[in-house]
Amino acid sequence: MARFYADEQFPRQIVNYLREMGHDVLTVQEAGKANLQIPDPEVLEFAIQDNRAVLTLNRIDFLKLHYQRPEHLGIIICRDDPENIERVAKRINVAISSLETLQGQLIRVNRSSPSE
């Protein structure tokens, strides 16, 4: 299973579902960095130092960081789906399940169609 670092805006419910699936997820809040307005490059650096892939909803900034710091341990950019939080967690799990490593990977997890 994967080791993730969920940035500050990442939905806690998705974190909980990923944990139920067996993933090791540390949140910014649990790392003692909540409400500190930590810049995204520092979020990525913390994840790298702690051997974790980043979970984020922040597409624009983390897409740029992916190209600036390609040695990261994975960046998973999601679209929030408040209608079905569990589905987002399942889509993350499916997106990474066939990968040997997340290192250097940029993974986009989009909203699913309502019929999924």
PDB file of N, CA and C in Angstrom:
ATOM      1  N   MET A   1       0.835  -1.192   0.000  1.00  0.00           N
ATOM      2  CA  MET A   1       0.000   0.000   0.000  1.00  0.00           C
ATOM      3  C   MET A   1       0.878   1.254   0.000  1.00  0.00           C
ATOM      4  N   ALA A   2       0.263   2.373  -0.306  1.00  0.00           N
ATOM      5  CA  ALA A   2       1.023   3.611  -0.484  1.00  0.00           C
ATOM      6  C   ALA A   2       1.090   4.443   0.793  1.00  0.00           C
ATOM      7  N   ARG A   3       2.120   5.293   0.824  1.00  0.00           N
ATOM      8  CA  ARG A   3       2.285   6.279   1.897  1.00  0.00           C
ATOM      9  C   ARG A   3       1.963   7.645   1.302  1.00  0.00           C
ATOM     10  N   PHE A   4       0.968   8.316   1.894  1.00  0.00           N
ATOM     11  CA  PHE A   4       0.506   9.601   1.384  1.00  0.00           C
ATOM     12  C   PHE A   4       0.664  10.707   2.419  1.00  0.00           C
ATOM     13  N   TYR A   5       0.782  11.931   1.909  1.00  0.00           N
ATOM     14  CA  TYR A   5       0.727  13.141   2.727  1.00  0.00           C
ATOM     15  C   TYR A   5      -0.370  14.005   2.131  1.00  0.00           C
ATOM     16  N   ALA A   6      -1.463  14.160   2.865  1.00  0.00           N
ATOM     17  CA  ALA A   6      -2.621  14.918   2.386  1.00  0.00           C
ATOM     18  C   ALA A   6      -2.474  16.381   2.759  1.00  0.00           C
ATOM     19  N   ASP A   7      -2.514  17.255   1.752  1.00  0.00           N
ATOM     20  CA  ASP A   7      -2.355  18.673   2.036  1.00  0.00           C
ATOM     21  C   ASP A   7      -3.563  19.218   2.791  1.00  0.00           C
ATOM     22  N   GLU A   8      -3.479  20.459   3.197  1.00  0.00           N
ATOM     23  CA  GLU A   8      -4.429  21.022   4.156  1.00  0.00           C
ATOM     24  C   GLU A   8      -5.885  21.010   3.694  1.00  0.00           C
ATOM     25  N   GLN A   9      -6.139  21.204   2.411  1.00  0.00           N
ATOM     26  CA  GLN A   9      -7.506  21.252   1.918  1.00  0.00           C
ATOM     27  C   GLN A   9      -8.049  19.884   1.500  1.00  0.00           C
ATOM     28  N   PHE A  10      -7.231  18.860   1.593  1.00  0.00           N
ATOM     29  CA  PHE A  10      -7.683  17.552   1.126  1.00  0.00           C
ATOM     30  C   PHE A  10      -8.749  17.004   2.077  1.00  0.00           C
ATOM     31  N   PRO A  11      -9.882  16.540   1.536  1.00  0.00           N
ATOM     32  CA  PRO A  11     -11.010  16.099   2.383  1.00  0.00           C
ATOM     33  C   PRO A  11     -10.658  14.945   3.324  1.00  0.00           C
ATOM     34  N   ARG A  12     -10.957  15.155   4.573  1.00  0.00           N
ATOM     35  CA  ARG A  12     -10.656  14.151   5.610  1.00  0.00           C
ATOM     36  C   ARG A  12     -11.393  12.839   5.359  1.00  0.00           C
ATOM     37  N   GLN A  13     -12.590  12.915   4.800  1.00  0.00           N
ATOM     38  CA  GLN A  13     -13.352  11.688   4.542  1.00  0.00           C
ATOM     39  C   GLN A  13     -12.631  10.798   3.525  1.00  0.00           C
ATOM     40  N   ILE A  14     -12.000  11.401   2.533  1.00  0.00           N
ATOM     41  CA  ILE A  14     -11.244  10.608   1.562  1.00  0.00           C
ATOM     42  C   ILE A  14     -10.057   9.958   2.263  1.00  0.00           C
ATOM     43  N   VAL A  15      -9.391  10.712   3.126  1.00  0.00           N
ATOM     44  CA  VAL A  15      -8.278  10.169   3.913  1.00  0.00           C
ATOM     45  C   VAL A  15      -8.748   8.936   4.679  1.00  0.00           C
ATOM     46  N   ASN A  16      -9.897   9.035   5.330  1.00  0.00           N
ATOM     47  CA  ASN A  16     -10.413   7.912   6.111  1.00  0.00           C
ATOM     48  C   ASN A  16     -10.679   6.683   5.247  1.00  0.00           C
ATOM     49  N   TYR A  17     -11.272   6.877   4.071  1.00  0.00           N
ATOM     50  CA  TYR A  17     -11.520   5.745   3.169  1.00  0.00           C
ATOM     51  C   TYR A  17     -10.207   5.121   2.700  1.00  0.00           C
ATOM     52  N   LEU A  18      -9.231   5.957   2.383  1.00  0.00           N
ATOM     53  CA  LEU A  18      -7.939   5.417   1.950  1.00  0.00           C
ATOM     54  C   LEU A  18      -7.284   4.608   3.064  1.00  0.00           C
ATOM     55  N   ARG A  19      -7.422   5.066   4.278  1.00  0.00           N
ATOM     56  CA  ARG A  19      -6.886   4.300   5.418  1.00  0.00           C
ATOM     57  C   ARG A  19      -7.592   2.957   5.549  1.00  0.00           C
ATOM     58  N   GLU A  20      -8.905   2.953   5.357  1.00  0.00           N
ATOM     59  CA  GLU A  20      -9.653   1.694   5.416  1.00  0.00           C
ATOM     60  C   GLU A  20      -9.171   0.720   4.342  1.00  0.00           C
ATOM     61  N   MET A  21      -8.684   1.253   3.231  1.00  0.00           N
ATOM     62  CA  MET A  21      -8.159   0.419   2.145  1.00  0.00           C
ATOM     63  C   MET A  21      -6.734  -0.049   2.431  1.00  0.00           C
ATOM     64  N   GLY A  22      -6.146   0.415   3.542  1.00  0.00           N
ATOM     65  CA  GLY A  22      -4.824  -0.037   3.941  1.00  0.00           C
ATOM     66  C   GLY A  22      -3.693   0.928   3.662  1.00  0.00           C
ATOM     67  N   HIS A  23      -4.003   2.121   3.152  1.00  0.00           N
ATOM     68  CA  HIS A  23      -2.960   3.094   2.863  1.00  0.00           C
ATOM     69  C   HIS A  23      -2.553   3.847   4.137  1.00  0.00           C
ATOM     70  N   ASP A  24      -1.303   4.243   4.180  1.00  0.00           N
ATOM     71  CA  ASP A  24      -0.745   5.031   5.288  1.00  0.00           C
ATOM     72  C   ASP A  24      -0.867   6.501   4.888  1.00  0.00           C
ATOM     73  N   VAL A  25      -1.796   7.211   5.507  1.00  0.00           N
ATOM     74  CA  VAL A  25      -2.038   8.609   5.144  1.00  0.00           C
ATOM     75  C   VAL A  25      -1.780   9.502   6.351  1.00  0.00           C
ATOM     76  N   LEU A  26      -0.891  10.470   6.161  1.00  0.00           N
ATOM     77  CA  LEU A  26      -0.611  11.493   7.163  1.00  0.00           C
ATOM     78  C   LEU A  26      -1.187  12.797   6.626  1.00  0.00           C
ATOM     79  N   THR A  27      -1.926  13.514   7.450  1.00  0.00           N
ATOM     80  CA  THR A  27      -2.483  14.794   7.022  1.00  0.00           C
ATOM     81  C   THR A  27      -1.588  15.926   7.518  1.00  0.00           C
ATOM     82  N   VAL A  28      -1.715  17.074   6.874  1.00  0.00           N
ATOM     83  CA  VAL A  28      -0.997  18.272   7.319  1.00  0.00           C
ATOM     84  C   VAL A  28      -1.335  18.557   8.778  1.00  0.00           C
ATOM     85  N   GLN A  29      -2.599  18.383   9.127  1.00  0.00           N
ATOM     86  CA  GLN A  29      -3.036  18.642  10.495  1.00  0.00           C
ATOM     87  C   GLN A  29      -2.347  17.707  11.481  1.00  0.00           C
ATOM     88  N   GLU A  30      -2.269  16.435  11.153  1.00  0.00           N
ATOM     89  CA  GLU A  30      -1.629  15.460  12.033  1.00  0.00           C
ATOM     90  C   GLU A  30      -0.123  15.700  12.158  1.00  0.00           C
ATOM     91  N   ALA A  31       0.454  16.299  11.136  1.00  0.00           N
ATOM     92  CA  ALA A  31       1.885  16.607  11.159  1.00  0.00           C
ATOM     93  C   ALA A  31       2.162  17.896  11.930  1.00  0.00           C
ATOM     94  N   GLY A  32       1.116  18.515  12.501  1.00  0.00           N
ATOM     95  CA  GLY A  32       1.283  19.729  13.294  1.00  0.00           C
ATOM     96  C   GLY A  32       1.502  20.977  12.468  1.00  0.00           C
ATOM     97  N   LYS A  33       1.030  20.952  11.227  1.00  0.00           N
ATOM     98  CA  LYS A  33       1.268  22.076  10.332  1.00  0.00           C
ATOM     99  C   LYS A  33      -0.029  22.742   9.872  1.00  0.00           C
ATOM    100  N   ALA A  34      -1.108  22.525  10.591  1.00  0.00           N
ATOM    101  CA  ALA A  34      -2.403  23.099  10.211  1.00  0.00           C
ATOM    102  C   ALA A  34      -2.434  24.607  10.423  1.00  0.00           C
ATOM    103  N   ASN A  35      -3.171  25.283   9.554  1.00  0.00           N
ATOM    104  CA  ASN A  35      -3.421  26.730   9.655  1.00  0.00           C
ATOM    105  C   ASN A  35      -2.147  27.573   9.666  1.00  0.00           C
ATOM    106  N   LEU A  36      -1.073  27.066   9.095  1.00  0.00           N
ATOM    107  CA  LEU A  36       0.187  27.802   9.053  1.00  0.00           C
ATOM    108  C   LEU A  36       0.464  28.388   7.667  1.00  0.00           C
ATOM    109  N   GLN A  37      -0.462  28.141   6.741  1.00  0.00           N
ATOM    110  CA  GLN A  37      -0.330  28.629   5.364  1.00  0.00           C
ATOM    111  C   GLN A  37       1.041  28.270   4.789  1.00  0.00           C
ATOM    112  N   ILE A  38       1.399  27.012   4.946  1.00  0.00           N
ATOM    113  CA  ILE A  38       2.687  26.527   4.459  1.00  0.00           C
ATOM    114  C   ILE A  38       2.665  26.528   2.933  1.00  0.00           C
ATOM    115  N   PRO A  39       3.664  27.112   2.315  1.00  0.00           N
ATOM    116  CA  PRO A  39       3.718  27.142   0.852  1.00  0.00           C
ATOM    117  C   PRO A  39       3.779  25.725   0.262  1.00  0.00           C
ATOM    118  N   ASP A  40       3.192  25.572  -0.903  1.00  0.00           N
ATOM    119  CA  ASP A  40       3.146  24.258  -1.542  1.00  0.00           C
ATOM    120  C   ASP A  40       4.526  23.617  -1.738  1.00  0.00           C
ATOM    121  N   PRO A  41       5.561  24.381  -2.101  1.00  0.00           N
ATOM    122  CA  PRO A  41       6.874  23.734  -2.215  1.00  0.00           C
ATOM    123  C   PRO A  41       7.337  23.095  -0.897  1.00  0.00           C
ATOM    124  N   GLU A  42       6.966  23.692   0.224  1.00  0.00           N
ATOM    125  CA  GLU A  42       7.333  23.118   1.525  1.00  0.00           C
ATOM    126  C   GLU A  42       6.498  21.879   1.839  1.00  0.00           C
ATOM    127  N   VAL A  43       5.247  21.872   1.388  1.00  0.00           N
ATOM    128  CA  VAL A  43       4.412  20.677   1.550  1.00  0.00           C
ATOM    129  C   VAL A  43       5.057  19.518   0.786  1.00  0.00           C
ATOM    130  N   LEU A  44       5.457  19.789  -0.453  1.00  0.00           N
ATOM    131  CA  LEU A  44       6.100  18.751  -1.251  1.00  0.00           C
ATOM    132  C   LEU A  44       7.422  18.307  -0.622  1.00  0.00           C
ATOM    133  N   GLU A  45       8.201  19.236  -0.134  1.00  0.00           N
ATOM    134  CA  GLU A  45       9.480  18.902   0.497  1.00  0.00           C
ATOM    135  C   GLU A  45       9.278  18.016   1.722  1.00  0.00           C
ATOM    136  N   PHE A  46       8.278  18.342   2.548  1.00  0.00           N
ATOM    137  CA  PHE A  46       7.988  17.509   3.710  1.00  0.00           C
ATOM    138  C   PHE A  46       7.629  16.089   3.268  1.00  0.00           C
ATOM    139  N   ALA A  47       6.802  15.990   2.233  1.00  0.00           N
ATOM    140  CA  ALA A  47       6.400  14.669   1.731  1.00  0.00           C
ATOM    141  C   ALA A  47       7.617  13.883   1.253  1.00  0.00           C
ATOM    142  N   ILE A  48       8.509  14.551   0.541  1.00  0.00           N
ATOM    143  CA  ILE A  48       9.722  13.890   0.051  1.00  0.00           C
ATOM    144  C   ILE A  48      10.555  13.393   1.230  1.00  0.00           C
ATOM    145  N   GLN A  49      10.751  14.248   2.221  1.00  0.00           N
ATOM    146  CA  GLN A  49      11.568  13.885   3.385  1.00  0.00           C
ATOM    147  C   GLN A  49      10.960  12.732   4.182  1.00  0.00           C
ATOM    148  N   ASP A  50       9.619  12.628   4.145  1.00  0.00           N
ATOM    149  CA  ASP A  50       8.929  11.579   4.905  1.00  0.00           C
ATOM    150  C   ASP A  50       8.553  10.382   4.019  1.00  0.00           C
ATOM    151  N   ASN A  51       9.111  10.339   2.815  1.00  0.00           N
ATOM    152  CA  ASN A  51       8.853   9.228   1.884  1.00  0.00           C
ATOM    153  C   ASN A  51       7.372   9.020   1.595  1.00  0.00           C
ATOM    154  N   ARG A  52       6.710  10.100   1.218  1.00  0.00           N
ATOM    155  CA  ARG A  52       5.275  10.050   0.944  1.00  0.00           C
ATOM    156  C   ARG A  52       4.947  10.733  -0.375  1.00  0.00           C
ATOM    157  N   ALA A  53       3.876  10.268  -0.998  1.00  0.00           N
ATOM    158  CA  ALA A  53       3.305  10.938  -2.159  1.00  0.00           C
ATOM    159  C   ALA A  53       2.295  11.964  -1.643  1.00  0.00           C
ATOM    160  N   VAL A  54       2.150  13.060  -2.358  1.00  0.00           N
ATOM    161  CA  VAL A  54       1.219  14.121  -1.959  1.00  0.00           C
ATOM    162  C   VAL A  54      -0.160  13.846  -2.532  1.00  0.00           C
ATOM    163  N   LEU A  55      -1.171  14.040  -1.700  1.00  0.00           N
ATOM    164  CA  LEU A  55      -2.570  14.043  -2.126  1.00  0.00           C
ATOM    165  C   LEU A  55      -3.048  15.487  -2.086  1.00  0.00           C
ATOM    166  N   THR A  56      -3.605  15.980  -3.173  1.00  0.00           N
ATOM    167  CA  THR A  56      -4.005  17.383  -3.210  1.00  0.00           C
ATOM    168  C   THR A  56      -5.190  17.606  -4.153  1.00  0.00           C
ATOM    169  N   LEU A  57      -5.894  18.688  -3.909  1.00  0.00           N
ATOM    170  CA  LEU A  57      -6.914  19.183  -4.832  1.00  0.00           C
ATOM    171  C   LEU A  57      -6.364  20.367  -5.631  1.00  0.00           C
ATOM    172  N   ASN A  58      -5.174  20.800  -5.287  1.00  0.00           N
ATOM    173  CA  ASN A  58      -4.550  21.990  -5.862  1.00  0.00           C
ATOM    174  C   ASN A  58      -3.844  21.638  -7.173  1.00  0.00           C
ATOM    175  N   ARG A  59      -4.597  21.608  -8.247  1.00  0.00           N
ATOM    176  CA  ARG A  59      -4.079  21.173  -9.544  1.00  0.00           C
ATOM    177  C   ARG A  59      -2.987  22.081 -10.096  1.00  0.00           C
ATOM    178  N   ILE A  60      -3.233  23.348 -10.134  1.00  0.00           N
ATOM    179  CA  ILE A  60      -2.324  24.274 -10.815  1.00  0.00           C
ATOM    180  C   ILE A  60      -0.944  24.299 -10.162  1.00  0.00           C
ATOM    181  N   ASP A  61      -0.908  24.531  -8.859  1.00  0.00           N
ATOM    182  CA  ASP A  61       0.385  24.668  -8.181  1.00  0.00           C
ATOM    183  C   ASP A  61       1.180  23.364  -8.156  1.00  0.00           C
ATOM    184  N   PHE A  62       0.505  22.246  -7.924  1.00  0.00           N
ATOM    185  CA  PHE A  62       1.248  20.990  -7.847  1.00  0.00           C
ATOM    186  C   PHE A  62       1.636  20.459  -9.219  1.00  0.00           C
ATOM    187  N   LEU A  63       0.920  20.836 -10.250  1.00  0.00           N
ATOM    188  CA  LEU A  63       1.343  20.503 -11.600  1.00  0.00           C
ATOM    189  C   LEU A  63       2.675  21.200 -11.893  1.00  0.00           C
ATOM    190  N   LYS A  64       2.774  22.474 -11.527  1.00  0.00           N
ATOM    191  CA  LYS A  64       4.034  23.217 -11.691  1.00  0.00           C
ATOM    192  C   LYS A  64       5.151  22.575 -10.866  1.00  0.00           C
ATOM    193  N   LEU A  65       4.830  22.208  -9.630  1.00  0.00           N
ATOM    194  CA  LEU A  65       5.852  21.598  -8.766  1.00  0.00           C
ATOM    195  C   LEU A  65       6.344  20.261  -9.319  1.00  0.00           C
ATOM    196  N   HIS A  66       5.459  19.544  -9.953  1.00  0.00           N
ATOM    197  CA  HIS A  66       5.850  18.262 -10.560  1.00  0.00           C
ATOM    198  C   HIS A  66       6.983  18.481 -11.562  1.00  0.00           C
ATOM    199  N   TYR A  67       6.892  19.512 -12.362  1.00  0.00           N
ATOM    200  CA  TYR A  67       7.933  19.788 -13.361  1.00  0.00           C
ATOM    201  C   TYR A  67       9.173  20.427 -12.737  1.00  0.00           C
ATOM    202  N   GLN A  68       8.992  21.180 -11.655  1.00  0.00           N
ATOM    203  CA  GLN A  68      10.133  21.817 -10.993  1.00  0.00           C
ATOM    204  C   GLN A  68      10.927  20.836 -10.143  1.00  0.00           C
ATOM    205  N   ARG A  69      10.242  19.875  -9.540  1.00  0.00           N
ATOM    206  CA  ARG A  69      10.884  18.908  -8.631  1.00  0.00           C
ATOM    207  C   ARG A  69      10.518  17.476  -9.047  1.00  0.00           C
ATOM    208  N   PRO A  70      10.976  17.021 -10.191  1.00  0.00           N
ATOM    209  CA  PRO A  70      10.563  15.704 -10.683  1.00  0.00           C
ATOM    210  C   PRO A  70      11.036  14.529  -9.836  1.00  0.00           C
ATOM    211  N   GLU A  71      11.895  14.793  -8.863  1.00  0.00           N
ATOM    212  CA  GLU A  71      12.382  13.698  -8.010  1.00  0.00           C
ATOM    213  C   GLU A  71      11.435  13.395  -6.845  1.00  0.00           C
ATOM    214  N   HIS A  72      10.255  13.983  -6.854  1.00  0.00           N
ATOM    215  CA  HIS A  72       9.288  13.741  -5.772  1.00  0.00           C
ATOM    216  C   HIS A  72       8.855  12.276  -5.740  1.00  0.00           C
ATOM    217  N   LEU A  73       8.120  11.907  -4.711  1.00  0.00           N
ATOM    218  CA  LEU A  73       7.703  10.520  -4.528  1.00  0.00           C
ATOM    219  C   LEU A  73       6.262  10.282  -4.952  1.00  0.00           C
ATOM    220  N   GLY A  74       5.761  11.176  -5.787  1.00  0.00           N
ATOM    221  CA  GLY A  74       4.413  11.032  -6.330  1.00  0.00           C
ATOM    222  C   GLY A  74       3.542  12.211  -5.936  1.00  0.00           C
ATOM    223  N   ILE A  75       2.768  12.671  -6.908  1.00  0.00           N
ATOM    224  CA  ILE A  75       1.780  13.720  -6.664  1.00  0.00           C
ATOM    225  C   ILE A  75       0.474  13.224  -7.266  1.00  0.00           C
ATOM    226  N   ILE A  76      -0.546  13.159  -6.435  1.00  0.00           N
ATOM    227  CA  ILE A  76      -1.863  12.732  -6.891  1.00  0.00           C
ATOM    228  C   ILE A  76      -2.799  13.926  -6.773  1.00  0.00           C
ATOM    229  N   ILE A  77      -3.214  14.408  -7.928  1.00  0.00           N
ATOM    230  CA  ILE A  77      -4.072  15.581  -8.004  1.00  0.00           C
ATOM    231  C   ILE A  77      -5.495  15.097  -8.260  1.00  0.00           C
ATOM    232  N   CYS A  78      -6.398  15.460  -7.362  1.00  0.00           N
ATOM    233  CA  CYS A  78      -7.781  14.989  -7.454  1.00  0.00           C
ATOM    234  C   CYS A  78      -8.747  16.156  -7.673  1.00  0.00           C
ATOM    235  N   ARG A  79      -9.888  15.797  -8.173  1.00  0.00           N
ATOM    236  CA  ARG A  79     -11.017  16.722  -8.194  1.00  0.00           C
ATOM    237  C   ARG A  79     -11.962  16.256  -7.098  1.00  0.00           C
ATOM    238  N   ASP A  80     -12.385  17.198  -6.298  1.00  0.00           N
ATOM    239  CA  ASP A  80     -13.312  16.867  -5.217  1.00  0.00           C
ATOM    240  C   ASP A  80     -14.644  16.434  -5.817  1.00  0.00           C
ATOM    241  N   ASP A  81     -15.257  15.473  -5.202  1.00  0.00           N
ATOM    242  CA  ASP A  81     -16.574  14.989  -5.627  1.00  0.00           C
ATOM    243  C   ASP A  81     -17.437  14.871  -4.376  1.00  0.00           C
ATOM    244  N   PRO A  82     -17.964  16.017  -3.907  1.00  0.00           N
ATOM    245  CA  PRO A  82     -18.721  15.990  -2.659  1.00  0.00           C
ATOM    246  C   PRO A  82     -19.931  15.064  -2.693  1.00  0.00           C
ATOM    247  N   GLU A  83     -20.384  14.722  -3.882  1.00  0.00           N
ATOM    248  CA  GLU A  83     -21.531  13.819  -4.011  1.00  0.00           C
ATOM    249  C   GLU A  83     -21.171  12.385  -3.648  1.00  0.00           C
ATOM    250  N   ASN A  84     -19.898  12.031  -3.820  1.00  0.00           N
ATOM    251  CA  ASN A  84     -19.500  10.662  -3.536  1.00  0.00           C
ATOM    252  C   ASN A  84     -18.019  10.590  -3.157  1.00  0.00           C
ATOM    253  N   ILE A  85     -17.747  10.881  -1.914  1.00  0.00           N
ATOM    254  CA  ILE A  85     -16.379  10.897  -1.387  1.00  0.00           C
ATOM    255  C   ILE A  85     -15.724   9.518  -1.497  1.00  0.00           C
ATOM    256  N   GLU A  86     -16.466   8.491  -1.210  1.00  0.00           N
ATOM    257  CA  GLU A  86     -15.903   7.139  -1.269  1.00  0.00           C
ATOM    258  C   GLU A  86     -15.428   6.807  -2.682  1.00  0.00           C
ATOM    259  N   ARG A  87     -16.161   7.266  -3.684  1.00  0.00           N
ATOM    260  CA  ARG A  87     -15.785   7.004  -5.074  1.00  0.00           C
ATOM    261  C   ARG A  87     -14.419   7.631  -5.400  1.00  0.00           C
ATOM    262  N   VAL A  88     -14.142   8.816  -4.853  1.00  0.00           N
ATOM    263  CA  VAL A  88     -12.841   9.461  -5.080  1.00  0.00           C
ATOM    264  C   VAL A  88     -11.727   8.575  -4.511  1.00  0.00           C
ATOM    265  N   ALA A  89     -11.917   8.082  -3.299  1.00  0.00           N
ATOM    266  CA  ALA A  89     -10.912   7.206  -2.680  1.00  0.00           C
ATOM    267  C   ALA A  89     -10.707   5.950  -3.514  1.00  0.00           C
ATOM    268  N   LYS A  90     -11.773   5.380  -4.010  1.00  0.00           N
ATOM    269  CA  LYS A  90     -11.653   4.177  -4.843  1.00  0.00           C
ATOM    270  C   LYS A  90     -10.913   4.481  -6.136  1.00  0.00           C
ATOM    271  N   ARG A  91     -11.163   5.648  -6.724  1.00  0.00           N
ATOM    272  CA  ARG A  91     -10.487   6.020  -7.965  1.00  0.00           C
ATOM    273  C   ARG A  91      -8.985   6.232  -7.728  1.00  0.00           C
ATOM    274  N   ILE A  92      -8.635   6.787  -6.578  1.00  0.00           N
ATOM    275  CA  ILE A  92      -7.212   6.929  -6.232  1.00  0.00           C
ATOM    276  C   ILE A  92      -6.589   5.545  -6.115  1.00  0.00           C
ATOM    277  N   ASN A  93      -7.240   4.677  -5.391  1.00  0.00           N
ATOM    278  CA  ASN A  93      -6.731   3.325  -5.175  1.00  0.00           C
ATOM    279  C   ASN A  93      -6.528   2.601  -6.510  1.00  0.00           C
ATOM    280  N   VAL A  94      -7.498   2.693  -7.395  1.00  0.00           N
ATOM    281  CA  VAL A  94      -7.395   2.043  -8.704  1.00  0.00           C
ATOM    282  C   VAL A  94      -6.255   2.660  -9.519  1.00  0.00           C
ATOM    283  N   ALA A  95      -6.135   3.995  -9.470  1.00  0.00           N
ATOM    284  CA  ALA A  95      -5.114   4.693 -10.266  1.00  0.00           C
ATOM    285  C   ALA A  95      -3.697   4.283  -9.876  1.00  0.00           C
ATOM    286  N   ILE A  96      -3.482   3.946  -8.622  1.00  0.00           N
ATOM    287  CA  ILE A  96      -2.123   3.606  -8.184  1.00  0.00           C
ATOM    288  C   ILE A  96      -1.875   2.106  -8.104  1.00  0.00           C
ATOM    289  N   SER A  97      -2.928   1.308  -8.141  1.00  0.00           N
ATOM    290  CA  SER A  97      -2.788  -0.125  -7.864  1.00  0.00           C
ATOM    291  C   SER A  97      -1.902  -0.861  -8.860  1.00  0.00           C
ATOM    292  N   SER A  98      -1.847  -0.418 -10.091  1.00  0.00           N
ATOM    293  CA  SER A  98      -1.040  -1.130 -11.081  1.00  0.00           C
ATOM    294  C   SER A  98       0.382  -0.567 -11.206  1.00  0.00           C
ATOM    295  N   LEU A  99       0.679   0.470 -10.451  1.00  0.00           N
ATOM    296  CA  LEU A  99       2.004   1.093 -10.547  1.00  0.00           C
ATOM    297  C   LEU A  99       2.988   0.429  -9.599  1.00  0.00           C
ATOM    298  N   GLU A 100       4.179   0.188 -10.094  1.00  0.00           N
ATOM    299  CA  GLU A 100       5.225  -0.392  -9.261  1.00  0.00           C
ATOM    300  C   GLU A 100       5.732   0.617  -8.238  1.00  0.00           C
ATOM    301  N   THR A 101       5.802   1.889  -8.652  1.00  0.00           N
ATOM    302  CA  THR A 101       6.241   2.962  -7.769  1.00  0.00           C
ATOM    303  C   THR A 101       5.501   4.242  -8.133  1.00  0.00           C
ATOM    304  N   LEU A 102       5.366   5.120  -7.156  1.00  0.00           N
ATOM    305  CA  LEU A 102       4.774   6.426  -7.405  1.00  0.00           C
ATOM    306  C   LEU A 102       5.853   7.482  -7.646  1.00  0.00           C
ATOM    307  N   GLN A 103       7.099   7.111  -7.463  1.00  0.00           N
ATOM    308  CA  GLN A 103       8.203   8.058  -7.571  1.00  0.00           C
ATOM    309  C   GLN A 103       8.186   8.761  -8.926  1.00  0.00           C
ATOM    310  N   GLY A 104       8.165  10.107  -8.874  1.00  0.00           N
ATOM    311  CA  GLY A 104       8.174  10.922 -10.072  1.00  0.00           C
ATOM    312  C   GLY A 104       6.870  10.940 -10.848  1.00  0.00           C
ATOM    313  N   GLN A 105       5.867  10.252 -10.354  1.00  0.00           N
ATOM    314  CA  GLN A 105       4.591  10.146 -11.062  1.00  0.00           C
ATOM    315  C   GLN A 105       3.673  11.324 -10.728  1.00  0.00           C
ATOM    316  N   LEU A 106       3.000  11.831 -11.742  1.00  0.00           N
ATOM    317  CA  LEU A 106       1.907  12.777 -11.563  1.00  0.00           C
ATOM    318  C   LEU A 106       0.648  12.034 -11.983  1.00  0.00           C
ATOM    319  N   ILE A 107      -0.256  11.859 -11.044  1.00  0.00           N
ATOM    320  CA  ILE A 107      -1.467  11.093 -11.304  1.00  0.00           C
ATOM    321  C   ILE A 107      -2.661  12.027 -11.124  1.00  0.00           C
ATOM    322  N   ARG A 108      -3.493  12.071 -12.145  1.00  0.00           N
ATOM    323  CA  ARG A 108      -4.707  12.891 -12.092  1.00  0.00           C
ATOM    324  C   ARG A 108      -5.903  11.986 -11.865  1.00  0.00           C
ATOM    325  N   VAL A 109      -6.674  12.317 -10.844  1.00  0.00           N
ATOM    326  CA  VAL A 109      -7.882  11.554 -10.550  1.00  0.00           C
ATOM    327  C   VAL A 109      -9.047  12.524 -10.723  1.00  0.00           C
ATOM    328  N   ASN A 110      -9.783  12.323 -11.812  1.00  0.00           N
ATOM    329  CA  ASN A 110     -10.899  13.204 -12.135  1.00  0.00           C
ATOM    330  C   ASN A 110     -12.192  12.696 -11.531  1.00  0.00           C
ATOM    331  N   ARG A 111     -13.188  13.554 -11.558  1.00  0.00           N
ATOM    332  CA  ARG A 111     -14.521  13.118 -11.115  1.00  0.00           C
ATOM    333  C   ARG A 111     -15.017  12.044 -12.050  1.00  0.00           C
ATOM    334  N   SER A 112     -15.748  11.141 -11.486  1.00  0.00           N
ATOM    335  CA  SER A 112     -16.322  10.079 -12.300  1.00  0.00           C
ATOM    336  C   SER A 112     -17.698  10.500 -12.777  1.00  0.00           C
ATOM    337  N   SER A 113     -18.192   9.740 -13.713  1.00  0.00           N
ATOM    338  CA  SER A 113     -19.544  10.019 -14.188  1.00  0.00           C
ATOM    339  C   SER A 113     -20.536   9.527 -13.149  1.00  0.00           C
ATOM    340  N   PRO A 114     -21.738  10.089 -13.133  1.00  0.00           N
ATOM    341  CA  PRO A 114     -22.738   9.680 -12.129  1.00  0.00           C
ATOM    342  C   PRO A 114     -23.093   8.209 -12.208  1.00  0.00           C
ATOM    343  N   SER A 115     -22.893   7.575 -13.341  1.00  0.00           N
ATOM    344  CA  SER A 115     -23.255   6.163 -13.456  1.00  0.00           C
ATOM    345  C   SER A 115     -22.216   5.225 -12.877  1.00  0.00           C
ATOM    346  N   GLU A 116     -21.052   5.742 -12.539  1.00  0.00           N
ATOM    347  CA  GLU A 116     -19.991   4.901 -11.968  1.00  0.00           C
ATOM    348  C   GLU A 116     -20.307   4.490 -10.568  1.00  0.00           C
TER     349      GLU A 116
END
